[in-house]
């Protein structure tokens, strides 16, 4: 495989920008509502999914976006903005292809295994902190 450093640079810059925008949008929205529900993150996930769906269709069905711009906007910006957008896009692709069983499996496993991973991360952090306190 040949490494295209222009695409890597496009992804890196787009990812950094997307991460900053995610922080700003999430904080802006969450700061304006009085609820413990993570409205900021929810809004980022939904808007990122909408944006990635639009960009992927536009980029794959037209020549409007060259490879560098497509990678900058999709893998880079949208990936930094929210990985949920990629999950949504991939699930929608499975559904559009009529692969409903695989779509359901992907959604269920992604949710369940991600939650398990999060709780394992919690447990690992507790262990590390306990070992640190014991020093």
Protein backbone atom coordinates (compact mmCIF):
# COMPACT_ATOMS: atom_id res chain seq x y z
CA UNK A 1 0.00 0.00 0.00
CA UNK A 2 1.32 3.42 -0.98
CA UNK A 3 0.92 6.12 1.64
CA UNK A 4 -0.55 9.34 0.29
CA UNK A 5 0.73 12.02 2.66
CA UNK A 6 -1.64 14.62 1.18
CA UNK A 7 -4.62 12.52 2.28
CA UNK A 8 -3.08 11.94 5.71
CA UNK A 9 -2.52 15.68 6.12
CA UNK A 10 -6.09 16.40 5.00
CA UNK A 11 -7.45 13.92 7.57
CA UNK A 12 -5.22 15.32 10.33
CA UNK A 13 -6.18 18.95 9.74
CA UNK A 14 -9.86 18.10 9.27
CA UNK A 15 -9.86 15.96 12.43
CA UNK A 16 -8.30 18.71 14.52
CA UNK A 17 -10.81 21.25 13.23
CA UNK A 18 -13.73 18.85 13.75
CA UNK A 19 -12.67 18.19 17.35
CA UNK A 20 -12.52 21.89 18.14
CA UNK A 21 -15.91 22.50 16.54
CA UNK A 22 -17.37 19.54 18.47
CA UNK A 23 -16.20 21.07 21.73
CA UNK A 24 -17.51 24.54 20.86
CA UNK A 25 -20.91 23.38 19.56
CA UNK A 26 -21.45 20.88 22.38
CA UNK A 27 -20.51 23.37 25.09
CA UNK A 28 -22.57 26.15 23.49
CA UNK A 29 -25.73 24.04 23.30
CA UNK A 30 -25.31 22.33 26.69
CA UNK A 31 -24.68 25.70 28.34
CA UNK A 32 -28.04 27.00 27.17
CA UNK A 33 -30.31 24.24 28.43
CA UNK A 34 -31.05 23.33 32.02
CA UNK A 35 -31.13 19.55 31.79
CA UNK A 36 -28.81 16.73 32.79
CA UNK A 37 -29.54 15.08 29.39
CA UNK A 38 -26.44 15.47 27.19
CA UNK A 39 -28.19 17.69 24.63
CA UNK A 40 -24.89 19.10 23.36
CA UNK A 41 -23.46 15.69 22.50
CA UNK A 42 -26.81 14.57 21.09
CA UNK A 43 -26.93 17.62 18.79
CA UNK A 44 -23.34 17.00 17.66
CA UNK A 45 -24.10 13.35 16.89
CA UNK A 46 -27.22 14.18 14.88
CA UNK A 47 -25.68 17.11 12.99
CA UNK A 48 -22.53 15.10 12.28
CA UNK A 49 -24.59 12.23 10.89
CA UNK A 50 -26.54 14.62 8.68
CA UNK A 51 -23.34 16.27 7.46
CA UNK A 52 -21.54 12.97 6.75
CA UNK A 53 -24.55 11.56 4.89
CA UNK A 54 -24.69 14.67 2.72
CA UNK A 55 -20.95 14.77 2.06
CA UNK A 56 -20.65 11.06 1.27
CA UNK A 57 -23.50 11.12 -1.24
CA UNK A 58 -22.22 14.33 -2.80
CA UNK A 59 -18.63 13.07 -2.87
CA UNK A 60 -19.36 9.59 -4.19
CA UNK A 61 -22.05 10.45 -6.73
CA UNK A 62 -20.48 13.60 -8.22
CA UNK A 63 -17.05 14.98 -8.93
CA UNK A 64 -17.76 18.00 -6.72
CA UNK A 65 -15.17 16.95 -4.14
CA UNK A 66 -11.66 15.84 -4.98
CA UNK A 67 -10.01 13.11 -2.89
CA UNK A 68 -8.19 15.51 -0.55
CA UNK A 69 -11.31 17.57 0.14
CA UNK A 70 -13.46 14.45 0.58
CA UNK A 71 -11.02 12.98 3.12
CA UNK A 72 -10.64 16.38 4.84
CA UNK A 73 -14.42 16.74 5.25
CA UNK A 74 -15.47 13.11 5.91
CA UNK A 75 -12.76 11.07 7.65
CA UNK A 76 -11.12 14.23 9.00
CA UNK A 77 -13.72 16.83 9.99
CA UNK A 78 -16.70 14.52 10.53
CA UNK A 79 -14.49 11.91 12.20
CA UNK A 80 -13.15 14.53 14.61
CA UNK A 81 -16.58 16.08 15.05
CA UNK A 82 -18.26 12.75 15.88
CA UNK A 83 -17.50 9.12 15.16
CA UNK A 84 -21.21 8.51 15.62
CA UNK A 85 -21.68 9.92 12.13
CA UNK A 86 -19.60 7.10 10.65
CA UNK A 87 -21.55 4.53 12.66
CA UNK A 88 -24.83 6.03 11.39
CA UNK A 89 -23.61 6.13 7.80
CA UNK A 90 -22.43 2.52 7.85
CA UNK A 91 -25.69 1.35 9.44
CA UNK A 92 -27.73 3.29 6.86
CA UNK A 93 -25.67 1.68 4.09
CA UNK A 94 -26.46 -1.80 5.41
CA UNK A 95 -30.16 -0.91 5.60
CA UNK A 96 -30.18 0.57 2.08
CA UNK A 97 -28.53 -2.63 0.81
CA UNK A 98 -31.34 -4.63 2.44
CA UNK A 99 -28.92 -6.24 4.89
CA UNK A 100 -31.25 -5.72 7.86
CA UNK A 101 -29.89 -8.55 9.99
CA UNK A 102 -26.33 -7.26 9.73
CA UNK A 103 -27.54 -3.70 10.46
CA UNK A 104 -29.35 -4.83 13.61
CA UNK A 105 -26.35 -6.89 14.68
CA UNK A 106 -24.01 -3.95 14.08
CA UNK A 107 -26.18 -1.55 16.08
CA UNK A 108 -26.70 -3.99 18.96
CA UNK A 109 -23.09 -5.11 19.18
CA UNK A 110 -21.77 -1.55 18.85
CA UNK A 111 -23.95 -0.36 21.70
CA UNK A 112 -23.45 -3.35 23.99
CA UNK A 113 -19.72 -3.87 23.41
CA UNK A 114 -19.02 -0.13 23.64
CA UNK A 115 -20.82 0.04 26.98
CA UNK A 116 -18.89 -3.00 28.20
CA UNK A 117 -15.68 -1.33 27.07
CA UNK A 118 -16.61 1.84 28.94
CA UNK A 119 -17.30 -0.07 32.15
CA UNK A 120 -14.06 -2.03 31.77
CA UNK A 121 -12.29 1.31 31.35
CA UNK A 122 -13.90 2.52 34.57
CA UNK A 123 -12.70 -0.62 36.37
CA UNK A 124 -9.18 -0.29 34.95
CA UNK A 125 -9.02 3.35 36.05
CA UNK A 126 -10.16 2.39 39.56
CA UNK A 127 -7.40 -0.26 39.72
CA UNK A 128 -4.75 2.17 38.51
CA UNK A 129 -5.88 4.80 41.03
CA UNK A 130 -5.89 2.21 43.84
CA UNK A 131 -2.38 1.08 42.92
CA UNK A 132 -1.26 4.70 42.79
CA UNK A 133 -2.67 5.38 46.26
CA UNK A 134 -0.88 2.28 47.57
CA UNK A 135 2.53 3.62 46.54
